Amino acid sequence: MCNAETLNQWQPPKTAPKGDVIIALFDCTPIPVVTTWNEPEQQWVFSSVQVNLYQGKWNDTYFQSEYETSSALKAWMPLPTPLA
């Protein structure tokens, strides 16, 4: 698990655990995302919020899976420990 000190420090990409869900910074994402390694695709996978126009309003929101290569990972950190 992680502690407060770990949460304040981004880790180098080469140390990212491919068996866990992590918080990641990718070249293409303006904010950190929650991601995990997808073994069959050999890429990181995360959900991206999308929106469509419905009856004249931008209100049809949904999630779409996005994939990023290992080389696109800039930094990572573990998920915070849940509060008791």
PDB file of N, CA and C in Angstrom:
ATOM      1  N   MET A   1       0.837  -1.188   0.000  1.00  0.00           N
ATOM      2  CA  MET A   1       0.000   0.000   0.000  1.00  0.00           C
ATOM      3  C   MET A   1       0.875   1.242   0.000  1.00  0.00           C
ATOM      4  N   CYS A   2       0.246   2.383   0.023  1.00  0.00           N
ATOM      5  CA  CYS A   2       0.994   3.622  -0.043  1.00  0.00           C
ATOM      6  C   CYS A   2       0.797   4.441   1.224  1.00  0.00           C
ATOM      7  N   ASN A   3       1.665   5.409   1.397  1.00  0.00           N
ATOM      8  CA  ASN A   3       1.539   6.315   2.524  1.00  0.00           C
ATOM      9  C   ASN A   3       1.526   7.750   2.009  1.00  0.00           C
ATOM     10  N   ALA A   4       1.375   8.726   2.887  1.00  0.00           N
ATOM     11  CA  ALA A   4       1.273  10.131   2.481  1.00  0.00           C
ATOM     12  C   ALA A   4       2.521  10.592   1.740  1.00  0.00           C
ATOM     13  N   GLU A   5       3.686  10.131   2.158  1.00  0.00           N
ATOM     14  CA  GLU A   5       4.917  10.543   1.483  1.00  0.00           C
ATOM     15  C   GLU A   5       4.943  10.053   0.041  1.00  0.00           C
ATOM     16  N   THR A   6       4.537   8.833  -0.188  1.00  0.00           N
ATOM     17  CA  THR A   6       4.505   8.274  -1.543  1.00  0.00           C
ATOM     18  C   THR A   6       3.540   9.041  -2.428  1.00  0.00           C
ATOM     19  N   LEU A   7       2.394   9.456  -1.878  1.00  0.00           N
ATOM     20  CA  LEU A   7       1.403  10.166  -2.678  1.00  0.00           C
ATOM     21  C   LEU A   7       1.893  11.519  -3.167  1.00  0.00           C
ATOM     22  N   ASN A   8       2.882  12.094  -2.503  1.00  0.00           N
ATOM     23  CA  ASN A   8       3.398  13.391  -2.897  1.00  0.00           C
ATOM     24  C   ASN A   8       4.548  13.286  -3.887  1.00  0.00           C
ATOM     25  N   GLN A   9       4.929  12.091  -4.238  1.00  0.00           N
ATOM     26  CA  GLN A   9       6.066  11.915  -5.129  1.00  0.00           C
ATOM     27  C   GLN A   9       5.700  11.035  -6.320  1.00  0.00           C
ATOM     28  N   TRP A  10       5.822  11.607  -7.501  1.00  0.00           N
ATOM     29  CA  TRP A  10       5.619  10.820  -8.708  1.00  0.00           C
ATOM     30  C   TRP A  10       6.788   9.866  -8.876  1.00  0.00           C
ATOM     31  N   GLN A  11       6.484   8.667  -9.343  1.00  0.00           N
ATOM     32  CA  GLN A  11       7.480   7.619  -9.533  1.00  0.00           C
ATOM     33  C   GLN A  11       7.865   7.545 -11.015  1.00  0.00           C
ATOM     34  N   PRO A  12       9.089   7.079 -11.315  1.00  0.00           N
ATOM     35  CA  PRO A  12       9.502   6.963 -12.713  1.00  0.00           C
ATOM     36  C   PRO A  12       8.720   5.869 -13.439  1.00  0.00           C
ATOM     37  N   PRO A  13       8.470   6.067 -14.724  1.00  0.00           N
ATOM     38  CA  PRO A  13       7.658   5.120 -15.502  1.00  0.00           C
ATOM     39  C   PRO A  13       8.150   3.676 -15.458  1.00  0.00           C
ATOM     40  N   LYS A  14       9.451   3.473 -15.470  1.00  0.00           N
ATOM     41  CA  LYS A  14       9.983   2.104 -15.523  1.00  0.00           C
ATOM     42  C   LYS A  14       9.652   1.289 -14.276  1.00  0.00           C
ATOM     43  N   THR A  15       9.226   1.959 -13.190  1.00  0.00           N
ATOM     44  CA  THR A  15       8.897   1.236 -11.953  1.00  0.00           C
ATOM     45  C   THR A  15       7.397   0.973 -11.808  1.00  0.00           C
ATOM     46  N   ALA A  16       6.601   1.352 -12.785  1.00  0.00           N
ATOM     47  CA  ALA A  16       5.144   1.186 -12.700  1.00  0.00           C
ATOM     48  C   ALA A  16       4.760  -0.293 -12.641  1.00  0.00           C
ATOM     49  N   PRO A  17       3.974  -0.682 -11.629  1.00  0.00           N
ATOM     50  CA  PRO A  17       3.555  -2.084 -11.520  1.00  0.00           C
ATOM     51  C   PRO A  17       2.456  -2.408 -12.521  1.00  0.00           C
ATOM     52  N   LYS A  18       2.673  -3.422 -13.304  1.00  0.00           N
ATOM     53  CA  LYS A  18       1.689  -3.777 -14.329  1.00  0.00           C
ATOM     54  C   LYS A  18       0.607  -4.709 -13.811  1.00  0.00           C
ATOM     55  N   GLY A  19       0.609  -5.007 -12.518  1.00  0.00           N
ATOM     56  CA  GLY A  19      -0.419  -5.862 -11.940  1.00  0.00           C
ATOM     57  C   GLY A  19      -1.367  -5.109 -11.021  1.00  0.00           C
ATOM     58  N   ASP A  20      -1.240  -3.791 -10.965  1.00  0.00           N
ATOM     59  CA  ASP A  20      -2.057  -2.980 -10.063  1.00  0.00           C
ATOM     60  C   ASP A  20      -2.790  -1.884 -10.824  1.00  0.00           C
ATOM     61  N   VAL A  21      -3.770  -1.288 -10.164  1.00  0.00           N
ATOM     62  CA  VAL A  21      -4.412  -0.076 -10.661  1.00  0.00           C
ATOM     63  C   VAL A  21      -3.619   1.083 -10.068  1.00  0.00           C
ATOM     64  N   ILE A  22      -3.227   2.041 -10.919  1.00  0.00           N
ATOM     65  CA  ILE A  22      -2.383   3.144 -10.482  1.00  0.00           C
ATOM     66  C   ILE A  22      -2.925   4.479 -10.990  1.00  0.00           C
ATOM     67  N   ILE A  23      -2.374   5.565 -10.487  1.00  0.00           N
ATOM     68  CA  ILE A  23      -2.636   6.903 -11.013  1.00  0.00           C
ATOM     69  C   ILE A  23      -1.468   7.219 -11.938  1.00  0.00           C
ATOM     70  N   ALA A  24      -1.755   7.681 -13.154  1.00  0.00           N
ATOM     71  CA  ALA A  24      -0.703   7.882 -14.145  1.00  0.00           C
ATOM     72  C   ALA A  24      -0.811   9.226 -14.853  1.00  0.00           C
ATOM     73  N   LEU A  25       0.341   9.710 -15.272  1.00  0.00           N
ATOM     74  CA  LEU A  25       0.429  10.864 -16.161  1.00  0.00           C
ATOM     75  C   LEU A  25       0.942  10.353 -17.495  1.00  0.00           C
ATOM     76  N   PHE A  26       0.179  10.606 -18.549  1.00  0.00           N
ATOM     77  CA  PHE A  26       0.579  10.211 -19.895  1.00  0.00           C
ATOM     78  C   PHE A  26       0.843  11.459 -20.731  1.00  0.00           C
ATOM     79  N   ASP A  27       1.576  11.292 -21.809  1.00  0.00           N
ATOM     80  CA  ASP A  27       1.850  12.400 -22.727  1.00  0.00           C
ATOM     81  C   ASP A  27       0.565  13.068 -23.221  1.00  0.00           C
ATOM     82  N   CYS A  28      -0.493  12.284 -23.417  1.00  0.00           N
ATOM     83  CA  CYS A  28      -1.721  12.786 -24.036  1.00  0.00           C
ATOM     84  C   CYS A  28      -2.762  13.305 -23.046  1.00  0.00           C
ATOM     85  N   THR A  29      -2.553  13.089 -21.743  1.00  0.00           N
ATOM     86  CA  THR A  29      -3.580  13.469 -20.773  1.00  0.00           C
ATOM     87  C   THR A  29      -3.177  14.731 -20.015  1.00  0.00           C
ATOM     88  N   PRO A  30      -4.069  15.720 -19.954  1.00  0.00           N
ATOM     89  CA  PRO A  30      -3.737  16.958 -19.246  1.00  0.00           C
ATOM     90  C   PRO A  30      -3.800  16.819 -17.727  1.00  0.00           C
ATOM     91  N   ILE A  31      -4.451  15.766 -17.244  1.00  0.00           N
ATOM     92  CA  ILE A  31      -4.579  15.509 -15.811  1.00  0.00           C
ATOM     93  C   ILE A  31      -4.244  14.039 -15.545  1.00  0.00           C
ATOM     94  N   PRO A  32      -3.915  13.690 -14.309  1.00  0.00           N
ATOM     95  CA  PRO A  32      -3.671  12.277 -13.989  1.00  0.00           C
ATOM     96  C   PRO A  32      -4.935  11.435 -14.198  1.00  0.00           C
ATOM     97  N   VAL A  33      -4.733  10.175 -14.570  1.00  0.00           N
ATOM     98  CA  VAL A  33      -5.849   9.244 -14.784  1.00  0.00           C
ATOM     99  C   VAL A  33      -5.590   7.953 -14.019  1.00  0.00           C
ATOM    100  N   VAL A  34      -6.649   7.252 -13.692  1.00  0.00           N
ATOM    101  CA  VAL A  34      -6.547   5.930 -13.075  1.00  0.00           C
ATOM    102  C   VAL A  34      -6.419   4.920 -14.209  1.00  0.00           C
ATOM    103  N   THR A  35      -5.416   4.077 -14.142  1.00  0.00           N
ATOM    104  CA  THR A  35      -5.133   3.156 -15.239  1.00  0.00           C
ATOM    105  C   THR A  35      -4.682   1.804 -14.717  1.00  0.00           C
ATOM    106  N   THR A  36      -4.672   0.828 -15.599  1.00  0.00           N
ATOM    107  CA  THR A  36      -4.120  -0.489 -15.317  1.00  0.00           C
ATOM    108  C   THR A  36      -3.557  -1.052 -16.618  1.00  0.00           C
ATOM    109  N   TRP A  37      -2.673  -2.006 -16.493  1.00  0.00           N
ATOM    110  CA  TRP A  37      -2.045  -2.615 -17.663  1.00  0.00           C
ATOM    111  C   TRP A  37      -2.991  -3.620 -18.292  1.00  0.00           C
ATOM    112  N   ASN A  38      -3.130  -3.571 -19.617  1.00  0.00           N
ATOM    113  CA  ASN A  38      -3.939  -4.516 -20.361  1.00  0.00           C
ATOM    114  C   ASN A  38      -2.986  -5.464 -21.081  1.00  0.00           C
ATOM    115  N   GLU A  39      -2.876  -6.668 -20.564  1.00  0.00           N
ATOM    116  CA  GLU A  39      -1.911  -7.636 -21.075  1.00  0.00           C
ATOM    117  C   GLU A  39      -2.121  -7.992 -22.551  1.00  0.00           C
ATOM    118  N   PRO A  40      -3.357  -8.317 -22.996  1.00  0.00           N
ATOM    119  CA  PRO A  40      -3.531  -8.676 -24.405  1.00  0.00           C
ATOM    120  C   PRO A  40      -3.129  -7.552 -25.376  1.00  0.00           C
ATOM    121  N   GLU A  41      -3.420  -6.294 -25.003  1.00  0.00           N
ATOM    122  CA  GLU A  41      -3.082  -5.165 -25.877  1.00  0.00           C
ATOM    123  C   GLU A  41      -1.645  -4.692 -25.677  1.00  0.00           C
ATOM    124  N   GLN A  42      -1.029  -5.109 -24.550  1.00  0.00           N
ATOM    125  CA  GLN A  42       0.320  -4.648 -24.197  1.00  0.00           C
ATOM    126  C   GLN A  42       0.378  -3.119 -24.119  1.00  0.00           C
ATOM    127  N   GLN A  43      -0.693  -2.556 -23.497  1.00  0.00           N
ATOM    128  CA  GLN A  43      -0.795  -1.115 -23.319  1.00  0.00           C
ATOM    129  C   GLN A  43      -1.517  -0.809 -22.014  1.00  0.00           C
ATOM    130  N   TRP A  44      -1.369   0.430 -21.542  1.00  0.00           N
ATOM    131  CA  TRP A  44      -2.132   0.910 -20.401  1.00  0.00           C
ATOM    132  C   TRP A  44      -3.528   1.268 -20.879  1.00  0.00           C
ATOM    133  N   VAL A  45      -4.547   1.011 -20.065  1.00  0.00           N
ATOM    134  CA  VAL A  45      -5.929   1.322 -20.427  1.00  0.00           C
ATOM    135  C   VAL A  45      -6.542   2.184 -19.321  1.00  0.00           C
ATOM    136  N   PHE A  46      -7.335   3.183 -19.737  1.00  0.00           N
ATOM    137  CA  PHE A  46      -8.026   4.048 -18.785  1.00  0.00           C
ATOM    138  C   PHE A  46      -9.311   4.546 -19.417  1.00  0.00           C
ATOM    139  N   SER A  47     -10.227   5.036 -18.596  1.00  0.00           N
ATOM    140  CA  SER A  47     -11.495   5.540 -19.119  1.00  0.00           C
ATOM    141  C   SER A  47     -11.407   7.046 -19.318  1.00  0.00           C
ATOM    142  N   SER A  48     -12.042   7.506 -20.375  1.00  0.00           N
ATOM    143  CA  SER A  48     -12.068   8.916 -20.723  1.00  0.00           C
ATOM    144  C   SER A  48     -13.535   9.350 -20.824  1.00  0.00           C
ATOM    145  N   VAL A  49     -13.884  10.443 -20.160  1.00  0.00           N
ATOM    146  CA  VAL A  49     -15.262  10.937 -20.211  1.00  0.00           C
ATOM    147  C   VAL A  49     -15.507  11.590 -21.568  1.00  0.00           C
ATOM    148  N   GLN A  50     -16.575  11.206 -22.210  1.00  0.00           N
ATOM    149  CA  GLN A  50     -16.982  11.761 -23.506  1.00  0.00           C
ATOM    150  C   GLN A  50     -18.385  12.351 -23.362  1.00  0.00           C
ATOM    151  N   VAL A  51     -18.799  13.171 -24.309  1.00  0.00           N
ATOM    152  CA  VAL A  51     -20.144  13.743 -24.281  1.00  0.00           C
ATOM    153  C   VAL A  51     -20.653  13.925 -25.704  1.00  0.00           C
ATOM    154  N   ASN A  52     -21.932  13.654 -25.901  1.00  0.00           N
ATOM    155  CA  ASN A  52     -22.608  13.851 -27.180  1.00  0.00           C
ATOM    156  C   ASN A  52     -23.719  14.869 -27.022  1.00  0.00           C
ATOM    157  N   LEU A  53     -24.100  15.441 -28.139  1.00  0.00           N
ATOM    158  CA  LEU A  53     -25.230  16.360 -28.180  1.00  0.00           C
ATOM    159  C   LEU A  53     -26.526  15.559 -28.176  1.00  0.00           C
ATOM    160  N   TYR A  54     -27.445  15.886 -27.253  1.00  0.00           N
ATOM    161  CA  TYR A  54     -28.737  15.208 -27.177  1.00  0.00           C
ATOM    162  C   TYR A  54     -29.817  16.275 -27.001  1.00  0.00           C
ATOM    163  N   GLN A  55     -30.742  16.332 -27.932  1.00  0.00           N
ATOM    164  CA  GLN A  55     -31.832  17.298 -27.932  1.00  0.00           C
ATOM    165  C   GLN A  55     -31.321  18.729 -27.730  1.00  0.00           C
ATOM    166  N   GLY A  56     -30.256  19.048 -28.466  1.00  0.00           N
ATOM    167  CA  GLY A  56     -29.718  20.405 -28.456  1.00  0.00           C
ATOM    168  C   GLY A  56     -28.834  20.747 -27.273  1.00  0.00           C
ATOM    169  N   LYS A  57     -28.541  19.779 -26.410  1.00  0.00           N
ATOM    170  CA  LYS A  57     -27.691  20.035 -25.247  1.00  0.00           C
ATOM    171  C   LYS A  57     -26.566  19.006 -25.186  1.00  0.00           C
ATOM    172  N   TRP A  58     -25.419  19.454 -24.678  1.00  0.00           N
ATOM    173  CA  TRP A  58     -24.283  18.554 -24.479  1.00  0.00           C
ATOM    174  C   TRP A  58     -24.460  17.859 -23.129  1.00  0.00           C
ATOM    175  N   ASN A  59     -25.323  16.836 -23.108  1.00  0.00           N
ATOM    176  CA  ASN A  59     -25.679  16.187 -21.843  1.00  0.00           C
ATOM    177  C   ASN A  59     -25.637  14.660 -21.889  1.00  0.00           C
ATOM    178  N   ASP A  60     -25.228  14.099 -22.990  1.00  0.00           N
ATOM    179  CA  ASP A  60     -25.178  12.642 -23.133  1.00  0.00           C
ATOM    180  C   ASP A  60     -23.750  12.167 -22.831  1.00  0.00           C
ATOM    181  N   THR A  61     -23.449  12.006 -21.547  1.00  0.00           N
ATOM    182  CA  THR A  61     -22.091  11.632 -21.139  1.00  0.00           C
ATOM    183  C   THR A  61     -21.916  10.121 -21.068  1.00  0.00           C
ATOM    184  N   TYR A  62     -20.702   9.696 -21.333  1.00  0.00           N
ATOM    185  CA  TYR A  62     -20.366   8.276 -21.261  1.00  0.00           C
ATOM    186  C   TYR A  62     -18.857   8.130 -21.131  1.00  0.00           C
ATOM    187  N   PHE A  63     -18.401   6.918 -20.805  1.00  0.00           N
ATOM    188  CA  PHE A  63     -16.977   6.621 -20.711  1.00  0.00           C
ATOM    189  C   PHE A  63     -16.536   5.835 -21.935  1.00  0.00           C
ATOM    190  N   GLN A  64     -15.327   6.104 -22.368  1.00  0.00           N
ATOM    191  CA  GLN A  64     -14.722   5.398 -23.484  1.00  0.00           C
ATOM    192  C   GLN A  64     -13.345   4.917 -23.047  1.00  0.00           C
ATOM    193  N   SER A  65     -12.986   3.709 -23.409  1.00  0.00           N
ATOM    194  CA  SER A  65     -11.655   3.194 -23.073  1.00  0.00           C
ATOM    195  C   SER A  65     -10.613   3.819 -23.990  1.00  0.00           C
ATOM    196  N   GLU A  66      -9.517   4.229 -23.382  1.00  0.00           N
ATOM    197  CA  GLU A  66      -8.373   4.774 -24.117  1.00  0.00           C
ATOM    198  C   GLU A  66      -7.169   3.898 -23.799  1.00  0.00           C
ATOM    199  N   TYR A  67      -6.256   3.788 -24.735  1.00  0.00           N
ATOM    200  CA  TYR A  67      -5.054   2.988 -24.557  1.00  0.00           C
ATOM    201  C   TYR A  67      -3.818   3.846 -24.794  1.00  0.00           C
ATOM    202  N   GLU A  68      -2.784   3.599 -24.002  1.00  0.00           N
ATOM    203  CA  GLU A  68      -1.509   4.294 -24.170  1.00  0.00           C
ATOM    204  C   GLU A  68      -0.368   3.291 -24.052  1.00  0.00           C
ATOM    205  N   THR A  69       0.660   3.512 -24.815  1.00  0.00           N
ATOM    206  CA  THR A  69       1.832   2.638 -24.790  1.00  0.00           C
ATOM    207  C   THR A  69       2.687   2.909 -23.554  1.00  0.00           C
ATOM    208  N   SER A  70       3.572   2.012 -23.269  1.00  0.00           N
ATOM    209  CA  SER A  70       4.491   2.192 -22.145  1.00  0.00           C
ATOM    210  C   SER A  70       5.332   3.448 -22.307  1.00  0.00           C
ATOM    211  N   SER A  71       5.717   3.758 -23.524  1.00  0.00           N
ATOM    212  CA  SER A  71       6.566   4.929 -23.762  1.00  0.00           C
ATOM    213  C   SER A  71       5.836   6.249 -23.518  1.00  0.00           C
ATOM    214  N   ALA A  72       4.496   6.242 -23.493  1.00  0.00           N
ATOM    215  CA  ALA A  72       3.718   7.457 -23.247  1.00  0.00           C
ATOM    216  C   ALA A  72       3.560   7.764 -21.757  1.00  0.00           C
ATOM    217  N   LEU A  73       3.892   6.798 -20.898  1.00  0.00           N
ATOM    218  CA  LEU A  73       3.787   7.000 -19.452  1.00  0.00           C
ATOM    219  C   LEU A  73       4.915   7.912 -18.987  1.00  0.00           C
ATOM    220  N   LYS A  74       4.552   9.065 -18.371  1.00  0.00           N
ATOM    221  CA  LYS A  74       5.554  10.022 -17.894  1.00  0.00           C
ATOM    222  C   LYS A  74       5.886   9.800 -16.422  1.00  0.00           C
ATOM    223  N   ALA A  75       4.882   9.441 -15.614  1.00  0.00           N
ATOM    224  CA  ALA A  75       5.078   9.224 -14.178  1.00  0.00           C
ATOM    225  C   ALA A  75       3.846   8.520 -13.629  1.00  0.00           C
ATOM    226  N   TRP A  76       3.992   7.949 -12.429  1.00  0.00           N
ATOM    227  CA  TRP A  76       2.868   7.245 -11.813  1.00  0.00           C
ATOM    228  C   TRP A  76       2.986   7.347 -10.296  1.00  0.00           C
ATOM    229  N   MET A  77       1.873   7.032  -9.621  1.00  0.00           N
ATOM    230  CA  MET A  77       1.848   6.885  -8.161  1.00  0.00           C
ATOM    231  C   MET A  77       0.758   5.875  -7.802  1.00  0.00           C
ATOM    232  N   PRO A  78       0.881   5.237  -6.630  1.00  0.00           N
ATOM    233  CA  PRO A  78      -0.147   4.280  -6.226  1.00  0.00           C
ATOM    234  C   PRO A  78      -1.448   4.994  -5.836  1.00  0.00           C
ATOM    235  N   LEU A  79      -2.515   4.251  -5.854  1.00  0.00           N
ATOM    236  CA  LEU A  79      -3.785   4.798  -5.365  1.00  0.00           C
ATOM    237  C   LEU A  79      -3.674   5.053  -3.870  1.00  0.00           C
ATOM    238  N   PRO A  80      -4.376   6.052  -3.368  1.00  0.00           N
ATOM    239  CA  PRO A  80      -4.340   6.285  -1.913  1.00  0.00           C
ATOM    240  C   PRO A  80      -5.016   5.149  -1.160  1.00  0.00           C
ATOM    241  N   THR A  81      -4.608   4.949   0.057  1.00  0.00           N
ATOM    242  CA  THR A  81      -5.218   3.943   0.916  1.00  0.00           C
ATOM    243  C   THR A  81      -6.597   4.441   1.358  1.00  0.00           C
ATOM    244  N   PRO A  82      -7.640   3.629   1.234  1.00  0.00           N
ATOM    245  CA  PRO A  82      -8.981   4.079   1.657  1.00  0.00           C
ATOM    246  C   PRO A  82      -9.015   4.420   3.152  1.00  0.00           C
ATOM    247  N   LEU A  83      -9.830   5.397   3.491  1.00  0.00           N
ATOM    248  CA  LEU A  83     -10.004   5.758   4.905  1.00  0.00           C
ATOM    249  C   LEU A  83     -10.802   4.671   5.600  1.00  0.00           C
ATOM    250  N   ALA A  84     -10.480   4.433   6.842  1.00  0.00           N
ATOM    251  CA  ALA A  84     -11.178   3.400   7.611  1.00  0.00           C
ATOM    252  C   ALA A  84     -12.555   3.863   8.015  1.00  0.00           C
TER     253      ALA A  84
END
